Amino acid sequence: MFVLQWSAIFLAAATTLCPAWRRFTVGLLIIGYGAACTGGALGFAALGPLVLLVLAAWTTAPQRRPLVRGGGHLLFIGTALGLSLHWFPGFHNPLIYGPASITPDAAPYTMYWNLDKPLMGFWLLLAMPWLRPAHSLRTALTAGAAGWLIAAIGSLSIAVVIGFVAWEPKTPALSWLWMLNNLLLVTFAEEAFFRGYVQGGISRWLQHRVGGDWLALAIAAMLFGLAHAGGGWQWISLAAIAGIGYGLAYRCGGLPAAMLAHFGLNLTHFFLFTYPMRQVIG
């Protein structure tokens, strides 16, 4: 069940970026989360946030009245917050690694494969088609690579200067498990929310105002930084700087570009620098 469950969920995260494969994605989610339920990874209590997401999808449909749609968006934001912070019971996320230090000077790292947080990304891409502005593959790749470079130079250089991380090339044994998790669960959900929903939504709202796109980018980057408040001011600052690079990638190349930029920075951090950070900050 474990292999079937995660194979279906990982594949669904990849296919959901293609609108033409919507039904295939839904089928994979039914298989993946059905296997999780059968295997005991989902409890009955997990039905609660699933019902809330269905209700949010119904209330945010374009044909609803503005007041109803507004309530639906508030319902989704509250549910997404609960899912991302693991507040809802019934999700038994498997521990894949740790807590352990990847390198001697690194803080202990723990990795779960989460069943709750990715639901936020799946909901957004299935219920909000406008999150996926049309761009050619070449444009998406170019914008993603540029955003990766901007985010990596901006955040990692500062992280080295303040002693948060150090140059430390490595190829840990958990690398492929980490990459699956980071690209298809973490980056997928976070970029769908912060760039697609927040930045894209504010841009649509301010589309007739001068500088609206830049304001949307800045707000999304700031909120992305605040989402890392649990790690202290260093994580807030570095994540906000990285969010500027992701936001530029999204603006120029859409959601796949933002995901590439985000995953690229995380990949650079993981393989070339202390991960997640030094145990003692100088």
C-alpha atoms as a PDB file:
ATOM      1  CA  MET A   1       0.000   0.000   0.000  1.00  0.00           C
ATOM      2  CA  PHE A   2       2.809   2.405   0.823  1.00  0.00           C
ATOM      3  CA  VAL A   3       4.355   2.207  -2.643  1.00  0.00           C
ATOM      4  CA  LEU A   4       0.971   2.464  -4.405  1.00  0.00           C
ATOM      5  CA  GLN A   5      -0.076   5.369  -2.196  1.00  0.00           C
ATOM      6  CA  TRP A   6       2.978   7.523  -2.785  1.00  0.00           C
ATOM      7  CA  SER A   7       3.458   6.587  -6.434  1.00  0.00           C
ATOM      8  CA  ALA A   8      -0.067   7.826  -7.144  1.00  0.00           C
ATOM      9  CA  ILE A   9       0.322  11.019  -5.075  1.00  0.00           C
ATOM     10  CA  PHE A  10       3.699  11.942  -6.570  1.00  0.00           C
ATOM     11  CA  LEU A  11       2.412  11.313 -10.091  1.00  0.00           C
ATOM     12  CA  ALA A  12      -0.707  13.379  -9.361  1.00  0.00           C
ATOM     13  CA  ALA A  13       1.474  16.318  -8.283  1.00  0.00           C
ATOM     14  CA  ALA A  14       3.227  16.160 -11.664  1.00  0.00           C
ATOM     15  CA  THR A  15       0.111  15.712 -13.822  1.00  0.00           C
ATOM     16  CA  THR A  16      -1.938  18.388 -12.081  1.00  0.00           C
ATOM     17  CA  LEU A  17       0.171  21.036 -13.840  1.00  0.00           C
ATOM     18  CA  CYS A  18      -1.448  19.966 -17.115  1.00  0.00           C
ATOM     19  CA  PRO A  19      -5.128  21.043 -17.333  1.00  0.00           C
ATOM     20  CA  ALA A  20      -5.863  18.420 -19.997  1.00  0.00           C
ATOM     21  CA  TRP A  21      -5.006  15.667 -17.503  1.00  0.00           C
ATOM     22  CA  ARG A  22      -7.440  16.889 -14.854  1.00  0.00           C
ATOM     23  CA  ARG A  23      -9.473  13.657 -14.727  1.00  0.00           C
ATOM     24  CA  PHE A  24      -6.322  11.557 -14.661  1.00  0.00           C
ATOM     25  CA  THR A  25      -5.045  13.630 -11.734  1.00  0.00           C
ATOM     26  CA  VAL A  26      -8.307  13.191  -9.820  1.00  0.00           C
ATOM     27  CA  GLY A  27      -8.138   9.437 -10.438  1.00  0.00           C
ATOM     28  CA  LEU A  28      -4.589   9.289  -9.116  1.00  0.00           C
ATOM     29  CA  LEU A  29      -5.598  11.231  -6.004  1.00  0.00           C
ATOM     30  CA  ILE A  30      -8.457   8.823  -5.362  1.00  0.00           C
ATOM     31  CA  ILE A  31      -6.052   5.893  -5.695  1.00  0.00           C
ATOM     32  CA  GLY A  32      -3.341   7.503  -3.573  1.00  0.00           C
ATOM     33  CA  TYR A  33      -5.491   8.752  -0.724  1.00  0.00           C
ATOM     34  CA  GLY A  34      -7.665   5.647  -0.914  1.00  0.00           C
ATOM     35  CA  ALA A  35      -4.569   3.509  -0.411  1.00  0.00           C
ATOM     36  CA  ALA A  36      -3.545   5.769   2.474  1.00  0.00           C
ATOM     37  CA  CYS A  37      -6.931   5.248   4.089  1.00  0.00           C
ATOM     38  CA  THR A  38      -6.790   1.474   3.587  1.00  0.00           C
ATOM     39  CA  GLY A  39      -3.237   1.327   4.913  1.00  0.00           C
ATOM     40  CA  GLY A  40      -4.053   3.303   8.053  1.00  0.00           C
ATOM     41  CA  ALA A  41      -2.206   6.504   7.083  1.00  0.00           C
ATOM     42  CA  LEU A  42      -5.501   8.432   7.066  1.00  0.00           C
ATOM     43  CA  GLY A  43      -7.912   8.392   9.964  1.00  0.00           C
ATOM     44  CA  PHE A  44     -11.622   9.212   9.975  1.00  0.00           C
ATOM     45  CA  ALA A  45     -10.876  12.711  11.303  1.00  0.00           C
ATOM     46  CA  ALA A  46      -9.110  13.567   8.024  1.00  0.00           C
ATOM     47  CA  LEU A  47     -12.558  13.665   6.421  1.00  0.00           C
ATOM     48  CA  GLY A  48     -13.134  17.050   8.101  1.00  0.00           C
ATOM     49  CA  PRO A  49     -10.678  19.158   6.070  1.00  0.00           C
ATOM     50  CA  LEU A  50     -11.611  17.233   2.915  1.00  0.00           C
ATOM     51  CA  VAL A  51     -15.241  18.302   3.377  1.00  0.00           C
ATOM     52  CA  LEU A  52     -14.099  21.876   4.001  1.00  0.00           C
ATOM     53  CA  LEU A  53     -12.103  21.864   0.750  1.00  0.00           C
ATOM     54  CA  VAL A  54     -15.113  20.578  -1.206  1.00  0.00           C
ATOM     55  CA  LEU A  55     -17.273  23.294   0.340  1.00  0.00           C
ATOM     56  CA  ALA A  56     -14.619  25.911  -0.474  1.00  0.00           C
ATOM     57  CA  ALA A  57     -14.534  24.744  -4.096  1.00  0.00           C
ATOM     58  CA  TRP A  58     -18.331  25.052  -4.357  1.00  0.00           C
ATOM     59  CA  THR A  59     -18.480  28.503  -2.782  1.00  0.00           C
ATOM     60  CA  THR A  60     -15.622  29.956  -4.847  1.00  0.00           C
ATOM     61  CA  ALA A  61     -17.088  28.903  -8.203  1.00  0.00           C
ATOM     62  CA  PRO A  62     -17.371  31.858 -10.643  1.00  0.00           C
ATOM     63  CA  GLN A  63     -21.186  31.703 -10.723  1.00  0.00           C
ATOM     64  CA  ARG A  64     -21.510  32.361  -6.972  1.00  0.00           C
ATOM     65  CA  ARG A  65     -22.253  35.817  -5.619  1.00  0.00           C
ATOM     66  CA  PRO A  66     -19.218  37.922  -4.638  1.00  0.00           C
ATOM     67  CA  LEU A  67     -20.006  37.675  -0.921  1.00  0.00           C
ATOM     68  CA  VAL A  68     -20.266  33.869  -1.135  1.00  0.00           C
ATOM     69  CA  ARG A  69     -17.022  33.657  -3.109  1.00  0.00           C
ATOM     70  CA  GLY A  70     -15.286  35.833  -0.525  1.00  0.00           C
ATOM     71  CA  GLY A  71     -16.435  33.535   2.250  1.00  0.00           C
ATOM     72  CA  GLY A  72     -15.253  30.551   0.248  1.00  0.00           C
ATOM     73  CA  HIS A  73     -11.774  32.025  -0.126  1.00  0.00           C
ATOM     74  CA  LEU A  74     -11.592  32.719   3.603  1.00  0.00           C
ATOM     75  CA  LEU A  75     -12.675  29.127   4.245  1.00  0.00           C
ATOM     76  CA  PHE A  76      -9.948  27.838   1.939  1.00  0.00           C
ATOM     77  CA  ILE A  77      -7.250  30.045   3.487  1.00  0.00           C
ATOM     78  CA  GLY A  78      -8.161  28.850   6.974  1.00  0.00           C
ATOM     79  CA  THR A  79      -8.209  25.222   5.865  1.00  0.00           C
ATOM     80  CA  ALA A  80      -4.908  25.619   3.982  1.00  0.00           C
ATOM     81  CA  LEU A  81      -3.299  27.136   7.077  1.00  0.00           C
ATOM     82  CA  GLY A  82      -4.469  24.205   9.177  1.00  0.00           C
ATOM     83  CA  LEU A  83      -3.207  21.676   6.620  1.00  0.00           C
ATOM     84  CA  SER A  84       0.199  23.305   6.223  1.00  0.00           C
ATOM     85  CA  LEU A  85       0.702  23.552   9.999  1.00  0.00           C
ATOM     86  CA  HIS A  86      -0.604  19.999  10.554  1.00  0.00           C
ATOM     87  CA  TRP A  87      -3.388  21.138  12.877  1.00  0.00           C
ATOM     88  CA  PHE A  88      -5.981  18.697  11.569  1.00  0.00           C
ATOM     89  CA  PRO A  89      -6.035  15.229  13.144  1.00  0.00           C
ATOM     90  CA  GLY A  90      -6.312  12.055  11.101  1.00  0.00           C
ATOM     91  CA  PHE A  91      -3.183  12.480   8.985  1.00  0.00           C
ATOM     92  CA  HIS A  92      -0.467  10.008   9.968  1.00  0.00           C
ATOM     93  CA  ASN A  93       2.443  11.369   7.968  1.00  0.00           C
ATOM     94  CA  PRO A  94       5.271   8.808   7.725  1.00  0.00           C
ATOM     95  CA  LEU A  95       8.685   9.725   9.081  1.00  0.00           C
ATOM     96  CA  ILE A  96      11.221   9.171   6.299  1.00  0.00           C
ATOM     97  CA  TYR A  97      14.412  10.502   7.888  1.00  0.00           C
ATOM     98  CA  GLY A  98      15.763  11.754  11.185  1.00  0.00           C
ATOM     99  CA  PRO A  99      15.978  13.595  13.325  1.00  0.00           C
ATOM    100  CA  ALA A 100      19.691  13.414  12.485  1.00  0.00           C
ATOM    101  CA  SER A 101      22.477  15.701  11.308  1.00  0.00           C
ATOM    102  CA  ILE A 102      23.334  15.268   7.637  1.00  0.00           C
ATOM    103  CA  THR A 103      26.823  16.653   8.264  1.00  0.00           C
ATOM    104  CA  PRO A 104      28.675  17.043  11.590  1.00  0.00           C
ATOM    105  CA  ASP A 105      28.103  20.798  11.891  1.00  0.00           C
ATOM    106  CA  ALA A 106      24.478  20.764  10.738  1.00  0.00           C
ATOM    107  CA  ALA A 107      21.383  21.118  12.883  1.00  0.00           C
ATOM    108  CA  PRO A 108      19.314  17.920  13.093  1.00  0.00           C
ATOM    109  CA  TYR A 109      17.016  17.433  10.111  1.00  0.00           C
ATOM    110  CA  THR A 110      13.696  15.590  10.035  1.00  0.00           C
ATOM    111  CA  MET A 111      11.756  14.693   6.905  1.00  0.00           C
ATOM    112  CA  TYR A 112       8.151  13.537   6.706  1.00  0.00           C
ATOM    113  CA  TRP A 113       6.177  12.745   3.577  1.00  0.00           C
ATOM    114  CA  ASN A 114       3.087  14.799   4.338  1.00  0.00           C
ATOM    115  CA  LEU A 115      -0.421  13.838   3.280  1.00  0.00           C
ATOM    116  CA  ASP A 116      -2.083  17.010   4.546  1.00  0.00           C
ATOM    117  CA  LYS A 117      -0.054  19.935   3.164  1.00  0.00           C
ATOM    118  CA  PRO A 118      -0.119  18.815  -0.520  1.00  0.00           C
ATOM    119  CA  LEU A 119      -3.939  18.910  -0.461  1.00  0.00           C
ATOM    120  CA  MET A 120      -3.585  22.696  -0.489  1.00  0.00           C
ATOM    121  CA  GLY A 121      -1.748  22.556  -3.813  1.00  0.00           C
ATOM    122  CA  PHE A 122      -4.062  19.959  -5.341  1.00  0.00           C
ATOM    123  CA  TRP A 123      -7.120  22.020  -4.432  1.00  0.00           C
ATOM    124  CA  LEU A 124      -5.680  25.186  -5.923  1.00  0.00           C
ATOM    125  CA  LEU A 125      -4.730  23.655  -9.269  1.00  0.00           C
ATOM    126  CA  LEU A 126      -7.999  21.755  -9.617  1.00  0.00           C
ATOM    127  CA  ALA A 127     -10.341  24.514  -8.386  1.00  0.00           C
ATOM    128  CA  MET A 128      -8.532  27.628  -9.655  1.00  0.00           C
ATOM    129  CA  PRO A 129      -7.546  27.194 -13.337  1.00  0.00           C
ATOM    130  CA  TRP A 130      -6.337  30.814 -13.567  1.00  0.00           C
ATOM    131  CA  LEU A 131      -3.342  29.880 -11.385  1.00  0.00           C
ATOM    132  CA  ARG A 132      -1.737  28.415 -14.513  1.00  0.00           C
ATOM    133  CA  PRO A 133      -1.135  31.298 -16.949  1.00  0.00           C
ATOM    134  CA  ALA A 134      -0.175  29.952 -20.369  1.00  0.00           C
ATOM    135  CA  HIS A 135       3.533  30.114 -21.210  1.00  0.00           C
ATOM    136  CA  SER A 136       5.669  28.141 -23.611  1.00  0.00           C
ATOM    137  CA  LEU A 137       8.001  25.495 -22.215  1.00  0.00           C
ATOM    138  CA  ARG A 138      10.997  27.542 -23.306  1.00  0.00           C
ATOM    139  CA  THR A 139       9.715  30.629 -21.511  1.00  0.00           C
ATOM    140  CA  ALA A 140       8.966  28.652 -18.348  1.00  0.00           C
ATOM    141  CA  LEU A 141      12.408  27.045 -18.316  1.00  0.00           C
ATOM    142  CA  THR A 142      14.191  30.338 -18.976  1.00  0.00           C
ATOM    143  CA  ALA A 143      12.222  32.204 -16.306  1.00  0.00           C
ATOM    144  CA  GLY A 144      12.660  29.352 -13.847  1.00  0.00           C
ATOM    145  CA  ALA A 145      16.416  29.216 -14.373  1.00  0.00           C
ATOM    146  CA  ALA A 146      16.688  33.000 -13.975  1.00  0.00           C
ATOM    147  CA  GLY A 147      14.591  32.929 -10.805  1.00  0.00           C
ATOM    148  CA  TRP A 148      16.730  30.079  -9.468  1.00  0.00           C
ATOM    149  CA  LEU A 149      19.883  32.116 -10.056  1.00  0.00           C
ATOM    150  CA  ILE A 150      18.446  35.276  -8.486  1.00  0.00           C
ATOM    151  CA  ALA A 151      17.114  33.406  -5.440  1.00  0.00           C
ATOM    152  CA  ALA A 152      20.300  31.383  -4.961  1.00  0.00           C
ATOM    153  CA  ILE A 153      22.682  34.335  -5.209  1.00  0.00           C
ATOM    154  CA  GLY A 154      20.475  36.586  -3.103  1.00  0.00           C
ATOM    155  CA  SER A 155      19.674  34.234  -0.239  1.00  0.00           C
ATOM    156  CA  LEU A 156      22.611  31.811  -0.069  1.00  0.00           C
ATOM    157  CA  SER A 157      25.269  34.512  -0.267  1.00  0.00           C
ATOM    158  CA  ILE A 158      23.681  36.302   2.691  1.00  0.00           C
ATOM    159  CA  ALA A 159      23.267  32.990   4.526  1.00  0.00           C
ATOM    160  CA  VAL A 160      27.015  32.345   4.171  1.00  0.00           C
ATOM    161  CA  VAL A 161      27.952  35.881   5.265  1.00  0.00           C
ATOM    162  CA  ILE A 162      25.894  35.652   8.473  1.00  0.00           C
ATOM    163  CA  GLY A 163      27.233  32.172   9.207  1.00  0.00           C
ATOM    164  CA  PHE A 164      23.867  30.484   8.767  1.00  0.00           C
ATOM    165  CA  VAL A 165      25.292  27.932   6.322  1.00  0.00           C
ATOM    166  CA  ALA A 166      28.765  27.054   5.017  1.00  0.00           C
ATOM    167  CA  TRP A 167      30.102  25.662   1.740  1.00  0.00           C
ATOM    168  CA  GLU A 168      29.708  21.906   2.169  1.00  0.00           C
ATOM    169  CA  PRO A 169      29.290  19.816  -1.031  1.00  0.00           C
ATOM    170  CA  LYS A 170      27.801  16.371  -0.370  1.00  0.00           C
ATOM    171  CA  THR A 171      25.628  13.596  -1.772  1.00  0.00           C
ATOM    172  CA  PRO A 172      23.691  12.168   1.190  1.00  0.00           C
ATOM    173  CA  ALA A 173      22.140   8.709   0.967  1.00  0.00           C
ATOM    174  CA  LEU A 174      18.670  10.219   1.368  1.00  0.00           C
ATOM    175  CA  SER A 175      19.081  12.459  -1.701  1.00  0.00           C
ATOM    176  CA  TRP A 176      16.485  10.867  -4.005  1.00  0.00           C
ATOM    177  CA  LEU A 177      13.913  10.651  -1.196  1.00  0.00           C
ATOM    178  CA  TRP A 178      14.564  14.289  -0.374  1.00  0.00           C
ATOM    179  CA  MET A 179      14.170  15.329  -4.030  1.00  0.00           C
ATOM    180  CA  LEU A 180      10.840  13.537  -4.396  1.00  0.00           C
ATOM    181  CA  ASN A 181       9.551  15.191  -1.247  1.00  0.00           C
ATOM    182  CA  ASN A 182      10.893  18.645  -1.998  1.00  0.00           C
ATOM    183  CA  LEU A 183       9.740  18.909  -5.608  1.00  0.00           C
ATOM    184  CA  LEU A 184       6.428  17.050  -5.589  1.00  0.00           C
ATOM    185  CA  LEU A 185       5.161  17.808  -2.086  1.00  0.00           C
ATOM    186  CA  VAL A 186       6.868  20.880  -0.597  1.00  0.00           C
ATOM    187  CA  THR A 187       7.653  23.089  -3.607  1.00  0.00           C
ATOM    188  CA  PHE A 188       4.456  22.075  -5.398  1.00  0.00           C
ATOM    189  CA  ALA A 189       2.172  23.102  -2.527  1.00  0.00           C
ATOM    190  CA  GLU A 190       4.065  26.242  -1.478  1.00  0.00           C
ATOM    191  CA  GLU A 191       4.371  27.700  -4.972  1.00  0.00           C
ATOM    192  CA  ALA A 192       0.753  26.920  -5.819  1.00  0.00           C
ATOM    193  CA  PHE A 193      -0.274  28.920  -2.747  1.00  0.00           C
ATOM    194  CA  PHE A 194       2.208  31.793  -2.485  1.00  0.00           C
ATOM    195  CA  ARG A 195       2.862  32.456  -6.145  1.00  0.00           C
ATOM    196  CA  GLY A 196      -0.217  31.063  -7.870  1.00  0.00           C
ATOM    197  CA  TYR A 197      -2.894  31.998  -5.339  1.00  0.00           C
ATOM    198  CA  VAL A 198      -1.472  34.977  -3.429  1.00  0.00           C
ATOM    199  CA  GLN A 199       0.677  36.682  -6.079  1.00  0.00           C
ATOM    200  CA  GLY A 200      -1.558  35.666  -8.965  1.00  0.00           C
ATOM    201  CA  GLY A 201      -4.726  36.602  -7.097  1.00  0.00           C
ATOM    202  CA  ILE A 202      -3.486  40.023  -6.036  1.00  0.00           C
ATOM    203  CA  SER A 203      -2.212  40.677  -9.570  1.00  0.00           C
ATOM    204  CA  ARG A 204      -5.677  39.924 -10.969  1.00  0.00           C
ATOM    205  CA  TRP A 205      -7.271  42.164  -8.344  1.00  0.00           C
ATOM    206  CA  LEU A 206      -4.886  45.047  -9.118  1.00  0.00           C
ATOM    207  CA  GLN A 207      -4.587  44.429 -12.853  1.00  0.00           C
ATOM    208  CA  HIS A 208      -5.734  47.936 -13.776  1.00  0.00           C
ATOM    209  CA  ARG A 209      -3.439  49.707 -11.329  1.00  0.00           C
ATOM    210  CA  VAL A 210       0.096  50.847 -12.076  1.00  0.00           C
ATOM    211  CA  GLY A 211       2.602  48.680 -10.236  1.00  0.00           C
ATOM    212  CA  GLY A 212      -0.006  46.118  -9.208  1.00  0.00           C
ATOM    213  CA  ASP A 213       2.107  43.173 -10.369  1.00  0.00           C
ATOM    214  CA  TRP A 214       5.109  44.381  -8.392  1.00  0.00           C
ATOM    215  CA  LEU A 215       3.033  44.936  -5.267  1.00  0.00           C
ATOM    216  CA  ALA A 216       1.610  41.416  -5.610  1.00  0.00           C
ATOM    217  CA  LEU A 217       5.120  39.997  -5.931  1.00  0.00           C
ATOM    218  CA  ALA A 218       6.320  41.885  -2.844  1.00  0.00           C
ATOM    219  CA  ILE A 219       3.352  40.847  -0.701  1.00  0.00           C
ATOM    220  CA  ALA A 220       3.714  37.194  -1.688  1.00  0.00           C
ATOM    221  CA  ALA A 221       7.449  37.262  -0.932  1.00  0.00           C
ATOM    222  CA  MET A 222       6.849  38.904   2.440  1.00  0.00           C
ATOM    223  CA  LEU A 223       4.184  36.372   3.407  1.00  0.00           C
ATOM    224  CA  PHE A 224       6.443  33.542   2.253  1.00  0.00           C
ATOM    225  CA  GLY A 225       9.125  34.867   4.580  1.00  0.00           C
ATOM    226  CA  LEU A 226       6.700  35.099   7.496  1.00  0.00           C
ATOM    227  CA  ALA A 227       5.635  31.500   6.855  1.00  0.00           C
ATOM    228  CA  HIS A 228       9.167  30.535   7.961  1.00  0.00           C
ATOM    229  CA  ALA A 229       8.907  32.416  11.263  1.00  0.00           C
ATOM    230  CA  GLY A 230       9.386  29.196  13.220  1.00  0.00           C
ATOM    231  CA  GLY A 231      13.056  29.237  12.231  1.00  0.00           C
ATOM    232  CA  GLY A 232      13.756  32.748  13.478  1.00  0.00           C
ATOM    233  CA  TRP A 233      14.588  36.026  11.777  1.00  0.00           C
ATOM    234  CA  GLN A 234      17.233  34.389   9.589  1.00  0.00           C
ATOM    235  CA  TRP A 235      14.722  32.071   7.910  1.00  0.00           C
ATOM    236  CA  ILE A 236      12.185  34.896   7.540  1.00  0.00           C
ATOM    237  CA  SER A 237      14.710  37.176   5.822  1.00  0.00           C
ATOM    238  CA  LEU A 238      16.266  34.506   3.589  1.00  0.00           C
ATOM    239  CA  ALA A 239      12.903  33.068   2.553  1.00  0.00           C
ATOM    240  CA  ALA A 240      11.559  36.537   1.692  1.00  0.00           C
ATOM    241  CA  ILE A 241      14.614  37.226  -0.483  1.00  0.00           C
ATOM    242  CA  ALA A 242      14.221  33.861  -2.188  1.00  0.00           C
ATOM    243  CA  GLY A 243      10.519  34.629  -2.656  1.00  0.00           C
ATOM    244  CA  ILE A 244      11.457  37.597  -4.833  1.00  0.00           C
ATOM    245  CA  GLY A 245      13.273  35.249  -7.204  1.00  0.00           C
ATOM    246  CA  TYR A 246      10.349  32.822  -7.230  1.00  0.00           C
ATOM    247  CA  GLY A 247       7.944  35.702  -7.818  1.00  0.00           C
ATOM    248  CA  LEU A 248       9.900  36.967 -10.794  1.00  0.00           C
ATOM    249  CA  ALA A 249       9.932  33.455 -12.232  1.00  0.00           C
ATOM    250  CA  TYR A 250       6.154  33.183 -11.785  1.00  0.00           C
ATOM    251  CA  ARG A 251       5.495  36.567 -13.339  1.00  0.00           C
ATOM    252  CA  CYS A 252       7.543  35.749 -16.430  1.00  0.00           C
ATOM    253  CA  GLY A 253       7.043  31.999 -16.796  1.00  0.00           C
ATOM    254  CA  GLY A 254       4.064  30.883 -14.713  1.00  0.00           C
ATOM    255  CA  LEU A 255       3.763  28.282 -11.976  1.00  0.00           C
ATOM    256  CA  PRO A 256       6.172  25.685 -13.469  1.00  0.00           C
ATOM    257  CA  ALA A 257       8.845  28.396 -13.614  1.00  0.00           C
ATOM    258  CA  ALA A 258       8.267  29.323  -9.958  1.00  0.00           C
ATOM    259  CA  MET A 259       8.485  25.659  -8.975  1.00  0.00           C
ATOM    260  CA  LEU A 260      11.729  25.270 -10.909  1.00  0.00           C
ATOM    261  CA  ALA A 261      13.233  28.333  -9.236  1.00  0.00           C
ATOM    262  CA  HIS A 262      12.183  27.142  -5.773  1.00  0.00           C
ATOM    263  CA  PHE A 263      13.348  23.578  -6.286  1.00  0.00           C
ATOM    264  CA  GLY A 264      16.581  24.802  -7.867  1.00  0.00           C
ATOM    265  CA  LEU A 265      17.462  26.922  -4.844  1.00  0.00           C
ATOM    266  CA  ASN A 266      16.604  24.091  -2.465  1.00  0.00           C
ATOM    267  CA  LEU A 267      18.676  21.698  -4.580  1.00  0.00           C
ATOM    268  CA  THR A 268      21.657  24.059  -4.473  1.00  0.00           C
ATOM    269  CA  HIS A 269      21.272  24.471  -0.719  1.00  0.00           C
ATOM    270  CA  PHE A 270      20.939  20.743  -0.094  1.00  0.00           C
ATOM    271  CA  PHE A 271      23.871  19.513  -2.174  1.00  0.00           C
ATOM    272  CA  LEU A 272      26.355  22.394  -1.833  1.00  0.00           C
ATOM    273  CA  PHE A 273      25.784  24.010   1.572  1.00  0.00           C
ATOM    274  CA  THR A 274      25.072  23.059   5.181  1.00  0.00           C
ATOM    275  CA  TYR A 275      21.558  21.666   5.342  1.00  0.00           C
ATOM    276  CA  PRO A 276      19.264  22.852   6.761  1.00  0.00           C
ATOM    277  CA  MET A 277      21.590  25.207   8.685  1.00  0.00           C
ATOM    278  CA  ARG A 278      24.623  25.205  10.943  1.00  0.00           C
ATOM    279  CA  GLN A 279      24.050  23.956  14.463  1.00  0.00           C
ATOM    280  CA  VAL A 280      25.965  26.869  15.968  1.00  0.00           C
ATOM    281  CA  ILE A 281      25.604  30.132  14.070  1.00  0.00           C
ATOM    282  CA  GLY A 282      28.719  32.251  14.115  1.00  0.00           C
END
